[in-house]
Protein backbone atom coordinates (compact mmCIF):
# COMPACT_ATOMS: atom_id res chain seq x y z
CA MET A 1 -3.42 1.83 251.94
CA GLN A 2 -1.30 -1.00 253.32
CA ALA A 3 1.02 -0.82 250.29
CA THR A 4 2.07 2.81 250.82
CA ILE A 5 5.63 3.67 251.81
CA ASN A 6 4.69 4.94 255.26
CA ARG A 7 3.25 1.49 256.04
CA SER A 8 6.45 -0.24 255.01
CA TYR A 9 8.98 -1.63 257.50
CA LEU A 10 11.43 0.74 255.75
CA TRP A 11 9.53 3.83 256.93
CA LYS A 12 11.44 4.05 260.20
CA HIS A 13 14.60 4.63 258.12
CA VAL A 14 13.09 7.44 256.02
CA GLN A 15 13.91 11.05 256.76
CA VAL A 16 11.06 13.30 255.67
CA LYS A 17 12.12 16.54 253.99
CA THR A 18 9.80 19.46 253.43
CA LEU A 19 10.07 22.10 250.76
CA HIS A 20 10.30 25.71 251.86
CA GLN A 21 10.77 27.62 248.62
CA ASN A 22 8.44 27.53 245.64
CA MET A 23 10.86 27.39 242.71
CA ARG A 24 8.19 28.30 240.17
CA VAL A 25 7.42 31.49 242.11
CA GLN A 26 11.14 32.22 242.48
CA LEU A 27 11.70 31.80 238.73
CA LEU A 28 8.85 34.18 237.94
CA MET A 29 10.24 36.71 240.43
CA ASP A 30 13.70 36.41 238.86
CA GLN A 31 12.15 37.05 235.44
CA GLY A 32 10.41 40.14 236.79
CA ASN A 33 6.94 38.67 236.35
CA ILE A 34 5.63 39.82 239.72
CA THR A 35 1.92 39.43 238.88
CA SER A 36 2.28 35.79 237.80
CA ALA A 37 4.54 35.07 240.78
CA HIS A 38 1.88 36.47 243.13
CA GLU A 39 -0.84 34.36 241.46
CA GLN A 40 1.31 31.22 241.69
CA GLN A 41 2.03 31.91 245.37
CA GLU A 42 -1.68 32.39 246.13
CA PHE A 43 -2.46 29.07 244.40
CA ALA A 44 0.35 27.29 246.27
CA ASP A 45 -0.87 28.73 249.58
CA TRP A 46 -4.43 27.56 248.81
CA LEU A 47 -3.20 24.03 248.03
CA LYS A 48 -1.15 24.02 251.21
CA ARG A 49 -4.19 25.02 253.30
CA ILE A 50 -6.17 22.20 251.70
CA GLY A 51 -3.39 19.68 252.40
CA GLU A 52 -3.03 20.85 256.00
CA GLY A 53 -6.79 20.80 256.53
CA THR A 54 -6.94 24.50 257.40
CA GLU A 55 -8.97 25.68 254.39
CA PRO A 56 -12.51 26.56 255.59
CA LEU A 57 -15.13 23.88 255.03
CA TYR A 58 -18.77 24.46 254.09
CA GLU A 59 -21.51 21.91 254.54
CA ILE A 60 -23.39 21.38 251.31
CA ASP A 61 -25.88 18.54 250.87
CA GLY A 62 -24.55 16.91 254.04
CA ASN A 63 -20.94 16.91 252.80
CA ASN A 64 -17.97 18.99 253.87
CA CYS A 65 -16.82 20.96 250.84
CA ILE A 66 -14.21 23.58 250.08
CA ARG A 67 -14.79 26.55 247.84
CA ILE A 68 -12.95 26.49 244.54
CA PRO A 69 -11.89 29.94 243.30
CA ASP A 70 -13.80 31.09 240.23
CA ASP A 71 -10.64 31.23 238.10
CA LEU A 72 -10.09 27.48 238.72
CA TYR A 73 -13.66 26.39 238.21
CA VAL A 74 -14.64 24.88 234.86
CA LEU A 75 -18.31 24.60 234.03
CA ASP A 76 -20.13 24.23 230.76
CA VAL A 77 -23.59 22.81 231.39
CA ASN A 78 -24.20 22.29 227.67
CA LYS A 79 -21.34 19.82 227.19
CA ASP A 80 -19.93 16.64 228.64
CA LYS A 81 -18.18 17.57 231.91
CA LEU A 82 -15.07 15.45 231.39
CA ASP A 83 -14.53 16.67 227.81
CA THR A 84 -15.00 20.26 228.96
CA LEU A 85 -12.45 19.81 231.76
CA ILE A 86 -9.86 18.25 229.45
CA LYS A 87 -10.37 20.96 226.81
CA GLU A 88 -10.06 23.72 229.44
CA VAL A 89 -6.83 22.33 230.88
CA TYR A 90 -5.11 21.08 227.76
CA GLY A 91 -6.69 23.22 225.04
CA ASP A 92 -6.60 22.02 221.45
CA LEU A 93 -3.49 19.87 221.30
CA GLN A 94 -4.13 19.09 217.65
CA ASN A 95 -2.98 22.62 216.79
CA ILE A 96 0.48 21.94 218.26
CA GLN A 97 2.25 20.05 215.50
CA ASP A 98 5.80 19.92 216.89
CA TRP A 99 6.15 16.95 219.26
CA LYS A 100 8.61 18.62 221.67
CA THR A 101 6.43 21.73 221.90
CA ARG A 102 3.42 19.51 222.58
CA VAL A 103 5.27 17.61 225.33
CA ASP A 104 6.41 20.85 226.99
CA TYR A 105 2.87 22.20 226.79
CA ILE A 106 1.44 19.10 228.50
CA ILE A 107 4.15 19.07 231.19
CA GLU A 108 3.07 22.55 232.28
CA ARG A 109 -0.52 21.44 232.90
CA ALA A 110 -2.22 18.96 235.20
CA ILE A 111 -5.62 17.90 236.43
CA LEU A 112 -5.37 17.43 240.19
CA THR A 113 -7.85 15.39 242.14
CA PRO A 114 -7.98 14.72 245.88
CA LYS A 115 -9.12 11.14 245.32
CA ASN A 116 -8.08 8.45 242.92
CA GLU A 117 -11.57 8.15 241.47
CA VAL A 118 -13.17 8.70 238.10
CA TRP A 119 -14.98 12.02 237.95
CA THR A 120 -18.68 11.32 237.45
CA THR A 121 -21.73 13.46 237.02
CA SER A 122 -22.52 12.89 240.70
CA THR A 123 -19.33 14.72 241.76
CA THR A 124 -20.15 17.89 243.65
CA ILE A 125 -17.78 20.79 243.12
CA TRP A 126 -18.79 24.20 244.39
CA PRO A 127 -17.29 27.35 242.92
CA SER A 128 -16.81 30.32 245.20
CA HIS A 129 -19.75 32.24 243.74
CA PHE A 130 -22.29 29.74 245.16
């Protein structure tokens, strides 16, 4: 924590800028893809509420948890959780032979985590249907 930029003596010289327009949503709107733009905006709004601490919390097993929408939740109880997550996010990369196409495909996907920790079997994630 002490090595972060906002702990630096330089921080007093930094001007914080905030983004006000979601360019991905704007691009989808410009392309006429209203449904995808709406979905992207809902996801961005959900992430913003999490970041601002305004997303509702639910106590589960003594921990404060947020509900993850069903369309974002990955669960396959018959397989290794990490392998299932990677496969769900990145698909079968072996079927993409062209290197540039593979790079572009990966750039469009990410696994986000609120903590810089390895995901273990003890991690509790609660989908919205629980």
